[in-house]
Structure formats: structure tokens, C-alpha cells
């Protein structure tokens, strides 16, 4: 069988045509090149928003595709507007989105920390260390970090207004609205406490998205911003003779039309006698009259409907002194139901006395600027509210809304999990020292990546010092030394305004436990995921065409 000589076999091997598996038009990066490319992409994203961390942070001005301007220092808002092409950078953008949806704060920290973790991993990759070893070290560091955060966490009583204010003030302290801090802190707490519903034997239900609506009205001053003890929306009464102010109104909510029924498809009616057309019109009028009679029987003062309202129905309502508002949004209707104790009715013949809302103290239609707004105020224990924001321009209002949403989400997290950890980089520094102390228990090559996590965590206090123009090397060395001596010094962090080292529990700078844990988990796990990528194939065939 081995008749072919060795030379001829080698020759035939050389003559074999190469096997092409991947399309020639695709761009492919493999091995170390792909990994180091991911690291540099993640670092580039982190560098974009590094200056937006802390109370002395810079704002970014971004032009969106429609030509609008976004002015913000919120990590998620910035990254949402940036158009990136590198796949690793895209996954970094997803991190801030996940952080924003989960806990609402820490969107900048998570990107900065993730970028730093990948930067400290780059030398290991260059030294030919296997990514699995690096990932193992990172995971061990994550487990240990969470244990250290648990030990540092301070339980907080939700009735302790001072502690609650300190936390929300720390969140708002790094934002645009920090000048009006006290006002917005109170607004965030009031809004969250209003919409929280206690469930026996379960965690409180706090749905900010559905029941705390932010209404932005350009004009006026920031000092006019407030949380209503009720709800408001941009609607006017349907008829000029209807009352625009009613004290203690009886409110009825409908989601059915009070007008002629229109067929969903084109319909033809054949009339054989001259009286048939009059009979048809009378039938329609009688149907509306019956609907109005069903409503009038319960003597409501205000009727809200999500659908249309015919002129005939308006006539009957005006005659009986009833105010009506039509084409209300479903979400607004749900909020009115929560605030006034009314139930949304689907058919007028099913109305009963329990469906009427009586918890509202004042119904009033007011004109602000050029628009009419309906206010339902002075409600008795409303479980929904509207937040009115006034400001000089639309851009300012958008930024204020983003800041307020962050504050409300953090307050909501605290309702669900009432724990705090020291802010100002104190927690990160304490974790870094804790990891270094525990490193002696880790054997083999895993120890180096494990210690690299401790080094990466120092990026938070370092960035805070950089952004407020302090002497970074000197202050960071002093912070490191003081944390090494343990004891009360584990609460020592950077005062982001002055750049001095201070006790965070003394000056009242706190972070939510939920936010901190989520930040560390997301940053380390995403870094591990990016390190395990060894092949990037991007199909360029479509762009080539």
C-alpha cells in the first residue's frame, strides 16, 4: 500500500487546494489579537465617560441623528446616543443599559470599572496566560468582594428620613440638579412613598414607571417644580359651558365611546321607505341618550373617557351640570383610578356606586403657558402622582427628568432592600484591601488576576480625585495606607467636591447596597465574558455590495 515514496506524498500534500470555510469577504480576528482588540475597545468606551464620574463631573454635549442636542453627565444617556461599530464596545453599552434598568444609578461606575478590569487583564494576555485562568481569578475576587460588601452594609430604617435624605442627596450630588438638591431629594422621596403599596408578607410594590408620571412644562423657574398630591394631564373640558373647578368631585372613569357606533369595516344600509332614515338617526340618538341616562343616574361631577364623546352626549352632560373630558390615555386613566379610588368601567349599563371615585379634593382646569392642564388634587392617600417640572428650556428639563428618575429608582431600591454602604470610593478601597489580605489563601497562577481586581477597584477613588483636580498620587497613597490599618478607616473615602479624604459616615455620603452589588457583579462578569472571546468574525459582504 505504501508504494508512493515519501517525497511524492509530501508533494501531493503541498499541491492540495486550500479549503475555504468562511466567506472571503468576512473580516476575522483570532486569538490574542481579538482579545487585545476587545480590551482597547472597552478602554476607549470607559475613557469617553470617565470625566462624568463624581460631583465635579463634566457634562457631555451630543448631537442626535435628528439634529437635537443632549446635554448630560448620565453614563447611560451618553452611551445611548453614541454610535459604535466595534462588537466589544457595543456589549459595554449594553452594561450601562442593564444597570440603568435594574437599579437606576451607577451607570458611569460600571463602565469605568469594567474598562479598568480589562486594562489590568491585558498584561496577562500579553504574557500568554490562558483567559480561563484569568476568569477564574476574577470570579474568586467577585465572590470575596460580595462577602466584604455584605459585612460593610448598614441596615437603615425606612422611617429614618435623615438617612434616606443623605442617600438620595449622594445620588443627586453628582448630577445637574445638585444646586437644588434639597428640593429634588424631597420630591423623589415623596413620589416613591406615594406610589408604594404595602403587601402583607411580601416586599412593598413600588411602580414608578406606571404611577409616577413626570410632566415637563417649559417656562417658569426650577423652584416651581413639585409633586402633586394627585394627578394632572394635558387636557381641557370638551364644552365651554362645563365647570372648570369642582370641590370634592364624584369621578367616573370609562373606556367606552359615548358616540355613535361606527362599523369596523365599510357597511351599506339599504333604505326602502322614506321614514327609514329618520328611524335610523333616532335609533342612534336613543342609544346615546340611554348611555347618558345610565351615567346621569349616578350623579357624577366629572366623566373621563378614553374614547370619543359626541355632541349630543355633551349636550346632555352640560344640561345636567356634568364636566366631561375625552380621549384620555390609558396610562392616565389608570393613574386617576389609583389616585381617586374610582374603577374603570367598560359599559355604561354596568356602572355601580362603588365605581365612583370620591377621594379627590379638587378638580380644576388651569392654563399654563398656551396649554390647558387638568388637575385632580388634594386626594386622600393617592397611590399615584404627577411630578411637575418647570425650567428654562427643553434640554434642561430633559436632564432634570433623568436626574429625578435616577433618584426615584434609588429610593425605590431602598424601599425593597433597606441597606447602605459608604460612598466616595470608600467601599471600593475597602474591598481592594480585603482582597489583598485574602490573597495568601489563593494558590498558583490564579493569584495574580485575583490581585489585579483589587488594583482595578482603585479606579473609582482615583477618578474621583482626578475629576476634582486633587493631588491624585499623594491622596490615593494616603487612602491606601489608612485603609491598610483597618478599624474605623474602612469608611474613609474621597470627598468628591474638595478632593480631601474624609469619613463617609460623618459627612453623610452613602451608596445604595443594591447599586454597589449590581455594579461589581456586572463589571466583573462582563469583563470575564469579553476575555473569553478568542474569535471575532464580522461579515462585510453586505457593506461590500
Protein backbone atom coordinates (compact mmCIF):
# COMPACT_ATOMS: atom_id res chain seq x y z
CA UNK A 1 0.00 0.00 0.00
CA UNK A 2 2.92 2.32 0.67
CA UNK A 3 4.07 2.32 -2.97
CA UNK A 4 4.33 6.14 -3.05
CA UNK A 5 7.67 7.45 -1.92
CA UNK A 6 7.86 9.89 0.99
CA UNK A 7 8.82 12.78 -1.36
CA UNK A 8 5.82 12.22 -3.63
CA UNK A 9 3.44 12.12 -0.62
CA UNK A 10 4.79 15.46 0.65
CA UNK A 11 4.48 16.86 -2.88
CA UNK A 12 0.82 15.80 -3.16
CA UNK A 13 0.09 17.37 0.24
CA UNK A 14 1.61 20.64 -0.91
CA UNK A 15 -0.43 20.57 -4.11
CA UNK A 16 -3.78 20.26 -2.26
CA UNK A 17 -6.05 23.30 -2.74
CA UNK A 18 -6.75 25.24 0.50
CA UNK A 19 -10.21 24.60 1.98
CA UNK A 20 -12.17 27.83 2.40
CA UNK A 21 -14.80 27.59 5.14
CA UNK A 22 -15.52 31.25 5.85
CA UNK A 23 -16.61 33.67 3.11
CA UNK A 24 -13.66 35.63 1.67
CA UNK A 25 -15.42 38.95 2.29
CA UNK A 26 -15.62 38.47 6.05
CA UNK A 27 -13.16 40.12 8.38
CA UNK A 28 -11.77 37.78 11.03
CA UNK A 29 -9.64 38.33 14.12
CA UNK A 30 -8.45 35.41 16.21
CA UNK A 31 -6.55 34.63 19.41
CA UNK A 32 -4.54 37.31 21.21
CA UNK A 33 -5.27 39.91 18.55
CA UNK A 34 -9.04 39.62 19.12
CA UNK A 35 -8.66 39.69 22.92
CA UNK A 36 -6.37 42.73 22.96
CA UNK A 37 -8.68 44.44 20.44
CA UNK A 38 -11.62 43.92 22.83
CA UNK A 39 -9.58 45.36 25.70
CA UNK A 40 -8.67 48.51 23.78
CA UNK A 41 -12.31 48.97 22.60
CA UNK A 42 -13.61 48.67 26.17
CA UNK A 43 -10.93 51.09 27.40
CA UNK A 44 -11.94 53.61 24.70
CA UNK A 45 -15.60 53.49 25.83
CA UNK A 46 -14.58 53.87 29.50
CA UNK A 47 -12.35 56.87 28.67
CA UNK A 48 -15.28 58.65 26.96
CA UNK A 49 -17.32 58.82 30.16
CA UNK A 50 -14.59 58.74 32.81
CA UNK A 51 -14.84 62.53 33.33
CA UNK A 52 -18.55 62.28 34.17
CA UNK A 53 -17.98 60.45 37.48
CA UNK A 54 -18.48 62.28 40.77
CA UNK A 55 -19.85 65.64 41.93
CA UNK A 56 -17.22 67.62 39.97
CA UNK A 57 -18.09 65.82 36.76
CA UNK A 58 -18.13 67.35 33.29
CA UNK A 59 -21.18 67.44 31.01
CA UNK A 60 -21.19 65.97 27.51
CA UNK A 61 -22.98 67.63 24.60
CA UNK A 62 -24.20 65.17 21.98
CA UNK A 63 -25.98 65.75 18.69
CA UNK A 64 -28.55 63.05 17.99
CA UNK A 65 -29.39 61.90 14.41
CA UNK A 66 -32.45 64.18 14.30
CA UNK A 67 -30.29 67.25 15.00
CA UNK A 68 -31.44 67.59 18.63
CA UNK A 69 -28.95 68.30 21.43
CA UNK A 70 -28.49 66.10 24.51
CA UNK A 71 -26.72 67.75 27.46
CA UNK A 72 -25.97 65.25 30.21
CA UNK A 73 -23.47 63.59 32.51
CA UNK A 74 -25.57 60.43 32.92
CA UNK A 75 -23.49 57.47 31.70
CA UNK A 76 -26.44 55.64 30.17
CA UNK A 77 -27.81 58.71 28.36
CA UNK A 78 -24.36 59.43 26.82
CA UNK A 79 -23.69 55.87 25.64
CA UNK A 80 -27.23 55.53 24.29
CA UNK A 81 -26.54 58.39 21.85
CA UNK A 82 -23.06 57.22 20.75
CA UNK A 83 -22.93 55.13 17.59
CA UNK A 84 -20.20 52.46 17.88
CA UNK A 85 -19.19 49.75 15.42
CA UNK A 86 -16.87 47.51 17.48
CA UNK A 87 -18.79 44.49 18.90
CA UNK A 88 -16.98 44.63 22.29
CA UNK A 89 -17.80 48.34 22.62
CA UNK A 90 -21.46 47.53 21.83
CA UNK A 91 -21.57 45.00 24.66
CA UNK A 92 -20.16 47.70 27.01
CA UNK A 93 -23.08 49.94 26.03
CA UNK A 94 -25.46 47.14 27.00
CA UNK A 95 -23.91 47.13 30.50
CA UNK A 96 -24.99 50.68 31.23
CA UNK A 97 -28.48 49.93 29.90
CA UNK A 98 -28.80 46.85 32.15
CA UNK A 99 -27.52 48.87 35.14
CA UNK A 100 -29.98 51.68 34.43
CA UNK A 101 -32.95 49.32 34.15
CA UNK A 102 -32.01 47.22 37.19
CA UNK A 103 -31.07 49.85 39.77
CA UNK A 104 -31.16 53.26 38.04
CA UNK A 105 -27.79 54.52 39.29
CA UNK A 106 -24.10 53.62 38.87
CA UNK A 107 -24.19 53.60 35.05
CA UNK A 108 -20.89 55.51 34.82
CA UNK A 109 -19.17 53.49 37.57
CA UNK A 110 -19.97 50.16 35.92
CA UNK A 111 -18.40 51.21 32.59
CA UNK A 112 -15.30 52.78 34.21
CA UNK A 113 -14.78 49.70 36.41
CA UNK A 114 -15.33 47.27 33.55
CA UNK A 115 -12.86 49.15 31.34
CA UNK A 116 -10.25 49.13 34.13
CA UNK A 117 -10.69 45.38 34.79
CA UNK A 118 -9.97 44.65 31.13
CA UNK A 119 -6.99 47.04 31.17
CA UNK A 120 -5.38 45.18 34.12
CA UNK A 121 -6.06 41.86 32.34
CA UNK A 122 -4.19 42.96 29.18
CA UNK A 123 -0.64 42.26 30.56
CA UNK A 124 -1.67 38.68 31.45
CA UNK A 125 -2.89 38.13 27.88
CA UNK A 126 0.38 39.54 26.52
CA UNK A 127 2.29 37.10 28.80
CA UNK A 128 0.40 34.19 27.17
CA UNK A 129 -1.67 33.41 30.29
CA UNK A 130 -4.79 31.43 29.38
CA UNK A 131 -8.03 33.50 29.59
CA UNK A 132 -9.70 30.73 31.65
CA UNK A 133 -7.10 31.23 34.42
CA UNK A 134 -7.73 35.00 34.40
CA UNK A 135 -11.51 34.43 34.51
CA UNK A 136 -11.13 32.02 37.44
CA UNK A 137 -9.18 34.64 39.38
CA UNK A 138 -11.80 37.28 38.59
CA UNK A 139 -14.67 35.04 39.75
CA UNK A 140 -12.94 34.27 43.05
CA UNK A 141 -12.41 38.00 43.54
CA UNK A 142 -16.14 38.61 42.81
CA UNK A 143 -17.24 36.09 45.47
CA UNK A 144 -14.89 37.60 48.05
CA UNK A 145 -15.94 41.19 47.12
CA UNK A 146 -19.63 40.43 47.72
CA UNK A 147 -18.81 39.00 51.16
CA UNK A 148 -16.87 42.16 52.06
CA UNK A 149 -19.75 44.42 50.85
CA UNK A 150 -22.19 42.37 52.97
CA UNK A 151 -20.04 42.98 56.07
CA UNK A 152 -19.84 46.73 55.35
CA UNK A 153 -23.58 47.17 54.69
CA UNK A 154 -25.55 49.22 57.21
CA UNK A 155 -29.25 48.46 57.74
CA UNK A 156 -31.43 51.54 57.50
CA UNK A 157 -34.86 52.20 58.96
CA UNK A 158 -37.21 53.43 56.23
CA UNK A 159 -38.82 55.82 58.73
CA UNK A 160 -35.43 57.47 59.31
CA UNK A 161 -35.90 60.46 56.99
CA UNK A 162 -32.38 61.83 57.63
CA UNK A 163 -30.58 58.68 56.38
CA UNK A 164 -32.92 58.45 53.40
CA UNK A 165 -32.20 62.08 52.51
CA UNK A 166 -28.43 61.52 52.80
CA UNK A 167 -28.57 58.67 50.31
CA UNK A 168 -30.73 60.49 47.74
CA UNK A 169 -28.56 63.61 48.18
CA UNK A 170 -25.46 61.49 47.36
CA UNK A 171 -27.16 60.27 44.16
CA UNK A 172 -28.25 63.78 43.13
CA UNK A 173 -24.88 65.25 44.27
CA UNK A 174 -23.17 64.09 41.07
CA UNK A 175 -25.95 65.39 38.81
CA UNK A 176 -27.01 68.65 37.18
CA UNK A 177 -29.75 69.36 39.77
CA UNK A 178 -27.31 69.32 42.71
CA UNK A 179 -27.84 73.11 43.16
CA UNK A 180 -31.49 72.47 44.01
CA UNK A 181 -30.51 69.34 45.97
CA UNK A 182 -32.83 69.62 48.97
CA UNK A 183 -35.92 70.23 46.82
CA UNK A 184 -35.33 67.30 44.46
CA UNK A 185 -34.39 64.96 47.34
CA UNK A 186 -37.75 65.68 48.96
CA UNK A 187 -39.58 65.29 45.63
CA UNK A 188 -38.02 61.87 44.95
CA UNK A 189 -38.84 60.58 48.44
CA UNK A 190 -42.40 61.97 48.34
CA UNK A 191 -43.10 60.45 44.89
CA UNK A 192 -41.80 56.99 45.86
CA UNK A 193 -43.64 56.96 49.20
CA UNK A 194 -46.85 58.00 47.42
CA UNK A 195 -46.81 55.15 44.87
CA UNK A 196 -45.56 52.40 47.23
CA UNK A 197 -48.22 49.85 48.15
CA UNK A 198 -47.63 47.65 51.20
CA UNK A 199 -48.29 43.95 50.62
CA UNK A 200 -48.71 41.84 53.78
CA UNK A 201 -45.99 39.18 53.98
CA UNK A 202 -44.26 40.48 50.82
CA UNK A 203 -41.97 43.30 49.75
CA UNK A 204 -43.59 46.67 49.06
CA UNK A 205 -44.72 47.16 45.46
CA UNK A 206 -43.28 50.38 44.00
CA UNK A 207 -44.13 51.01 40.35
CA UNK A 208 -42.60 54.37 39.44
CA UNK A 209 -42.88 53.84 35.69
CA UNK A 210 -46.68 53.48 35.64
CA UNK A 211 -47.86 55.59 38.54
CA UNK A 212 -45.32 58.45 38.96
CA UNK A 213 -45.59 60.44 35.74
CA UNK A 214 -43.21 63.33 35.07
CA UNK A 215 -44.86 66.26 33.28
CA UNK A 216 -42.34 68.66 31.72
CA UNK A 217 -43.66 72.20 31.14
CA UNK A 218 -41.07 74.62 29.67
CA UNK A 219 -41.03 78.05 31.25
CA UNK A 220 -41.20 79.16 34.85
CA UNK A 221 -38.48 78.51 37.42
CA UNK A 222 -36.91 75.40 38.94
CA UNK A 223 -38.34 76.38 42.31
CA UNK A 224 -41.86 75.76 40.89
CA UNK A 225 -41.18 72.01 40.48
CA UNK A 226 -43.35 69.90 42.80
CA UNK A 227 -45.00 66.54 43.39
CA UNK A 228 -48.80 66.79 43.24
CA UNK A 229 -50.96 65.16 45.87
CA UNK A 230 -52.89 63.72 42.94
CA UNK A 231 -52.54 63.68 39.15
CA UNK A 232 -52.55 66.11 36.21
CA UNK A 233 -52.55 65.80 32.40
CA UNK A 234 -52.68 67.98 29.31
CA UNK A 235 -56.45 68.07 28.57
CA UNK A 236 -59.26 70.61 28.57
CA UNK A 237 -63.04 70.20 29.03
CA UNK A 238 -64.96 69.35 25.83
CA UNK A 239 -67.58 72.13 26.08
CA UNK A 240 -67.05 75.76 27.09
CA UNK A 241 -70.08 75.75 29.44
CA UNK A 242 -68.78 72.84 31.54
CA UNK A 243 -67.45 73.65 35.02
CA UNK A 244 -63.67 74.12 35.26
CA UNK A 245 -63.45 73.92 39.05
CA UNK A 246 -65.26 71.43 41.31
CA UNK A 247 -64.56 70.84 45.00
CA UNK A 248 -64.86 67.20 46.18
CA UNK A 249 -65.99 65.86 42.79
CA UNK A 250 -67.58 62.45 42.14
CA UNK A 251 -65.46 60.96 39.35
CA UNK A 252 -66.48 58.33 36.80
CA UNK A 253 -63.91 56.66 34.53
CA UNK A 254 -64.93 54.97 31.26
CA UNK A 255 -63.08 53.24 28.46
CA UNK A 256 -66.07 53.00 26.08
CA UNK A 257 -67.13 55.58 23.45
CA UNK A 258 -70.07 57.92 24.12
CA UNK A 259 -70.86 58.42 20.43
CA UNK A 260 -72.49 56.61 17.51
CA UNK A 261 -71.10 53.15 16.95
CA UNK A 262 -69.02 53.13 13.80
CA UNK A 263 -68.72 49.80 11.97
CA UNK A 264 -65.14 48.47 11.83
CA UNK A 265 -65.47 47.72 8.10
CA UNK A 266 -67.39 49.57 5.40
CA UNK A 267 -71.11 48.92 5.85
CA UNK A 268 -74.02 49.61 3.47
CA UNK A 269 -77.55 50.21 4.70
CA UNK A 270 -80.46 49.75 2.28
CA UNK A 271 -83.44 52.01 2.98
CA UNK A 272 -86.76 51.10 1.34
CA UNK A 273 -89.07 53.76 2.81
CA UNK A 274 -88.64 57.49 3.26
CA UNK A 275 -89.15 57.19 7.05
CA UNK A 276 -86.34 54.64 7.45
CA UNK A 277 -83.58 57.26 7.52
CA UNK A 278 -85.29 59.18 10.34
CA UNK A 279 -85.76 55.92 12.24
CA UNK A 280 -82.04 55.14 11.82
CA UNK A 281 -80.99 58.54 13.18
CA UNK A 282 -83.47 58.23 16.06
CA UNK A 283 -82.04 54.79 16.90
CA UNK A 284 -78.55 56.27 17.15
CA UNK A 285 -79.76 59.20 19.27
CA UNK A 286 -81.71 56.90 21.57
CA UNK A 287 -78.61 54.74 22.10
CA UNK A 288 -76.59 57.80 23.18
CA UNK A 289 -79.48 59.09 25.28
CA UNK A 290 -79.63 55.74 27.08
CA UNK A 291 -75.87 55.78 27.73
CA UNK A 292 -76.07 59.31 29.14
CA UNK A 293 -79.13 58.37 31.27
CA UNK A 294 -77.13 55.43 32.76
CA UNK A 295 -74.33 57.84 33.67
CA UNK A 296 -76.55 60.71 34.93
CA UNK A 297 -78.39 58.31 37.27
CA UNK A 298 -75.25 58.10 39.46
CA UNK A 299 -74.85 61.91 39.60
CA UNK A 300 -71.09 62.11 38.79
CA UNK A 301 -69.49 65.58 38.62
CA UNK A 302 -66.70 64.63 36.19
CA UNK A 303 -66.68 61.93 33.48
CA UNK A 304 -63.41 60.82 31.87
CA UNK A 305 -63.48 58.58 28.82
CA UNK A 306 -60.62 57.06 26.80
CA UNK A 307 -62.71 57.17 23.60
CA UNK A 308 -64.80 59.78 21.77
CA UNK A 309 -67.68 61.91 23.06
CA UNK A 310 -70.43 63.03 20.64
CA UNK A 311 -72.02 66.50 20.56
CA UNK A 312 -75.33 65.04 21.70
CA UNK A 313 -73.72 63.43 24.77
CA UNK A 314 -72.03 66.78 25.56
CA UNK A 315 -75.44 68.49 25.39
CA UNK A 316 -76.95 66.05 27.93
CA UNK A 317 -73.92 66.41 30.23
CA UNK A 318 -73.98 70.24 30.14
CA UNK A 319 -77.74 70.16 30.84
CA UNK A 320 -77.09 68.05 33.96
CA UNK A 321 -74.04 70.01 35.15
CA UNK A 322 -71.52 67.24 34.39
CA UNK A 323 -68.00 68.03 33.18
CA UNK A 324 -66.59 65.61 30.58
CA UNK A 325 -63.06 65.03 29.25
CA UNK A 326 -62.47 62.72 26.29
CA UNK A 327 -59.66 60.80 24.53
CA UNK A 328 -57.67 60.23 27.70
CA UNK A 329 -54.60 57.98 27.55
CA UNK A 330 -54.97 54.53 29.09
CA UNK A 331 -51.99 55.20 31.41
CA UNK A 332 -53.54 58.50 32.61
CA UNK A 333 -56.84 56.73 33.25
CA UNK A 334 -55.08 54.08 35.35
CA UNK A 335 -53.36 56.77 37.40
CA UNK A 336 -56.64 58.62 38.03
CA UNK A 337 -58.16 55.32 39.19
CA UNK A 338 -55.31 54.80 41.70
CA UNK A 339 -55.44 58.42 42.94
CA UNK A 340 -59.23 58.85 43.31
CA UNK A 341 -60.33 55.32 44.23
CA UNK A 342 -62.50 55.01 41.10
CA UNK A 343 -62.83 51.87 38.97
CA UNK A 344 -62.63 51.99 35.18
CA UNK A 345 -65.99 50.90 33.72
CA UNK A 346 -66.24 49.20 30.31
CA UNK A 347 -70.01 49.58 29.64
CA UNK A 348 -72.35 52.30 30.85
CA UNK A 349 -75.08 49.80 31.85
CA UNK A 350 -72.63 48.13 34.27
CA UNK A 351 -71.93 51.23 36.41
CA UNK A 352 -72.48 50.84 40.15
CA UNK A 353 -71.94 53.16 43.14
CA UNK A 354 -68.60 51.52 44.11
CA UNK A 355 -67.12 52.55 40.72
CA UNK A 356 -67.42 56.27 41.51
CA UNK A 357 -64.20 57.86 42.81
CA UNK A 358 -64.68 60.17 45.80
CA UNK A 359 -61.12 60.53 47.19
CA UNK A 360 -60.28 63.66 45.15
CA UNK A 361 -60.49 67.02 46.96
CA UNK A 362 -60.32 69.40 43.99
CA UNK A 363 -60.84 69.18 40.22
CA UNK A 364 -59.58 72.21 38.31
CA UNK A 365 -58.56 73.08 34.74
CA UNK A 366 -55.72 75.64 34.68
CA UNK A 367 -53.92 77.38 31.86
CA UNK A 368 -50.12 77.19 31.96
CA UNK A 369 -48.43 78.98 29.05
CA UNK A 370 -50.61 78.26 26.00
CA UNK A 371 -51.95 74.89 27.15
CA UNK A 372 -54.78 73.81 29.41
CA UNK A 373 -54.00 71.24 32.12
CA UNK A 374 -56.47 69.27 34.19
CA UNK A 375 -55.53 68.90 37.87
CA UNK A 376 -57.00 66.37 40.31
CA UNK A 377 -55.52 67.47 43.62
CA UNK A 378 -55.82 67.10 47.41
CA UNK A 379 -56.51 63.37 47.07
CA UNK A 380 -56.89 61.22 50.17
CA UNK A 381 -53.95 58.76 50.23
CA UNK A 382 -53.37 58.68 46.47
CA UNK A 383 -51.37 55.72 45.21
CA UNK A 384 -50.36 57.59 42.03
CA UNK A 385 -48.92 61.04 41.48
CA UNK A 386 -47.73 63.51 38.86
CA UNK A 387 -44.44 65.36 39.13
CA UNK A 388 -44.43 68.83 37.56
CA UNK A 389 -41.06 70.04 36.27
CA UNK A 390 -40.60 73.68 35.24
CA UNK A 391 -37.40 75.03 33.71
CA UNK A 392 -35.87 77.45 31.26
CA UNK A 393 -35.53 75.14 28.24
CA UNK A 394 -36.42 71.71 26.95
CA UNK A 395 -32.80 70.47 27.23
CA UNK A 396 -32.62 71.46 30.90
CA UNK A 397 -35.95 69.75 31.60
CA UNK A 398 -34.81 66.53 29.91
CA UNK A 399 -31.68 66.43 32.09
CA UNK A 400 -33.65 67.24 35.27
CA UNK A 401 -36.07 64.41 34.45
CA UNK A 402 -33.17 61.94 34.00
CA UNK A 403 -31.70 63.01 37.36
CA UNK A 404 -35.04 62.72 39.13
CA UNK A 405 -35.69 59.27 37.64
CA UNK A 406 -32.30 58.09 38.99
CA UNK A 407 -33.11 59.45 42.44
CA UNK A 408 -36.55 57.81 42.46
CA UNK A 409 -35.14 54.45 41.38
CA UNK A 410 -32.57 54.52 44.18
CA UNK A 411 -35.31 55.42 46.69
CA UNK A 412 -37.36 52.51 45.30
CA UNK A 413 -34.39 50.10 45.75
CA UNK A 414 -34.09 51.26 49.33
CA UNK A 415 -37.78 50.50 49.94
CA UNK A 416 -37.21 46.97 48.62
CA UNK A 417 -33.77 46.39 50.21
CA UNK A 418 -33.07 48.91 53.03
CA UNK A 419 -29.23 48.72 53.19
CA UNK A 420 -26.49 51.31 52.65
CA UNK A 421 -22.72 51.21 52.07
CA UNK A 422 -20.23 54.13 52.34
CA UNK A 423 -19.81 56.16 49.12
CA UNK A 424 -16.94 58.24 47.76
CA UNK A 425 -14.83 55.22 46.76
CA UNK A 426 -14.61 54.00 50.40
CA UNK A 427 -16.34 50.69 49.64
CA UNK A 428 -14.12 50.01 46.60
CA UNK A 429 -10.97 50.77 48.60
CA UNK A 430 -12.10 48.54 51.48
CA UNK A 431 -12.83 45.69 49.03
CA UNK A 432 -9.38 46.16 47.44
CA UNK A 433 -7.67 45.89 50.85
CA UNK A 434 -9.85 42.90 51.80
CA UNK A 435 -8.93 41.10 48.57
CA UNK A 436 -5.20 41.73 49.17
CA UNK A 437 -5.47 40.31 52.70
CA UNK A 438 -7.24 37.19 51.45
CA UNK A 439 -4.80 36.67 48.53
CA UNK A 440 -2.50 34.46 50.66
CA UNK A 441 -5.28 31.78 50.62
CA UNK A 442 -5.18 31.61 46.83
CA UNK A 443 -2.61 29.24 45.37
CA UNK A 444 -0.97 29.11 41.95
CA UNK A 445 -1.19 31.43 38.97
CA UNK A 446 -4.79 32.44 39.78
CA UNK A 447 -3.46 34.78 42.48
CA UNK A 448 -2.16 37.40 40.03
CA UNK A 449 -5.50 38.01 38.22
CA UNK A 450 -7.20 37.92 41.65
CA UNK A 451 -4.94 40.74 42.92
CA UNK A 452 -5.46 42.61 39.64
CA UNK A 453 -9.16 43.03 40.57
CA UNK A 454 -8.07 44.75 43.80
CA UNK A 455 -5.90 47.11 41.74
CA UNK A 456 -8.75 47.77 39.27
CA UNK A 457 -11.22 48.69 42.03
CA UNK A 458 -8.99 51.63 42.99
CA UNK A 459 -10.03 53.31 39.72
CA UNK A 460 -13.19 54.72 41.38
CA UNK A 461 -11.43 56.78 44.12
CA UNK A 462 -8.68 57.65 41.62
CA UNK A 463 -11.18 59.01 39.07
CA UNK A 464 -12.99 61.00 41.79
CA UNK A 465 -9.66 62.61 42.73
CA UNK A 466 -8.77 63.31 39.08
CA UNK A 467 -12.15 64.95 38.38
CA UNK A 468 -11.89 67.42 41.27
CA UNK A 469 -8.27 68.35 40.49
CA UNK A 470 -6.66 66.92 43.64
CA UNK A 471 -3.10 65.58 44.00
CA UNK A 472 -4.01 62.07 42.83
CA UNK A 473 -0.84 60.10 43.70
CA UNK A 474 -0.41 61.60 47.18
CA UNK A 475 -4.06 61.33 48.21
CA UNK A 476 -4.50 57.81 46.82
CA UNK A 477 -1.36 56.59 48.62
CA UNK A 478 -2.63 58.14 51.88
CA UNK A 479 -6.06 56.50 51.38
CA UNK A 480 -4.41 53.14 50.69
CA UNK A 481 -2.25 53.42 53.83
CA UNK A 482 -5.17 54.39 56.07
CA UNK A 483 -7.35 51.55 54.76
CA UNK A 484 -4.50 49.10 55.45
CA UNK A 485 -4.72 49.98 59.16
CA UNK A 486 -8.38 48.76 59.21
CA UNK A 487 -10.75 49.72 62.05
CA UNK A 488 -12.88 52.82 61.54
CA UNK A 489 -10.79 53.75 58.49
CA UNK A 490 -12.79 51.41 56.25
CA UNK A 491 -15.35 54.25 55.96
CA UNK A 492 -12.66 56.64 54.72
CA UNK A 493 -13.21 57.85 51.18
CA UNK A 494 -12.76 60.81 48.83
CA UNK A 495 -14.87 63.92 49.25
CA UNK A 496 -15.57 64.47 45.54
CA UNK A 497 -16.14 68.21 45.99
CA UNK A 498 -12.96 69.19 47.90
CA UNK A 499 -10.69 66.26 46.98
CA UNK A 500 -9.86 65.62 50.66
CA UNK A 501 -10.02 62.27 52.48
CA UNK A 502 -12.94 62.15 54.90
CA UNK A 503 -15.07 59.67 56.84
CA UNK A 504 -18.10 58.96 54.64
CA UNK A 505 -20.38 58.13 57.59
CA UNK A 506 -19.51 61.51 59.16
CA UNK A 507 -20.25 63.66 56.09
CA UNK A 508 -23.25 61.54 55.08
CA UNK A 509 -22.18 60.22 51.66
CA UNK A 510 -23.82 56.84 51.12
CA UNK A 511 -24.45 54.48 48.24
CA UNK A 512 -27.32 52.03 47.94
CA UNK A 513 -26.25 48.44 48.68
CA UNK A 514 -28.23 47.21 45.66
CA UNK A 515 -26.47 49.66 43.30
CA UNK A 516 -22.99 48.76 44.60
CA UNK A 517 -23.52 44.99 44.38
CA UNK A 518 -25.03 45.29 40.90
CA UNK A 519 -22.09 47.46 39.74
CA UNK A 520 -19.44 44.98 40.93
CA UNK A 521 -21.30 41.93 39.61
CA UNK A 522 -21.99 43.47 36.19
CA UNK A 523 -18.45 44.84 35.73
CA UNK A 524 -16.61 41.62 36.66
CA UNK A 525 -18.97 39.25 34.84
CA UNK A 526 -18.92 41.32 31.63
CA UNK A 527 -15.10 41.51 31.76
CA UNK A 528 -14.95 37.72 32.09
CA UNK A 529 -17.28 37.34 29.12
CA UNK A 530 -15.16 39.64 26.91
CA UNK A 531 -11.91 37.90 27.95
CA UNK A 532 -13.27 34.54 26.84
CA UNK A 533 -13.77 35.73 23.26
CA UNK A 534 -10.96 34.43 21.03
CA UNK A 535 -12.50 34.84 17.58
CA UNK A 536 -14.37 37.78 16.04
CA UNK A 537 -15.93 37.22 12.64
CA UNK A 538 -17.66 40.22 11.13
CA UNK A 539 -19.48 39.72 7.83
CA UNK A 540 -18.58 42.54 5.45
CA UNK A 541 -20.30 41.06 2.38
CA UNK A 542 -23.37 43.31 2.63
CA UNK A 543 -21.38 46.51 3.06
CA UNK A 544 -19.10 45.50 0.19
CA UNK A 545 -22.14 45.22 -2.09
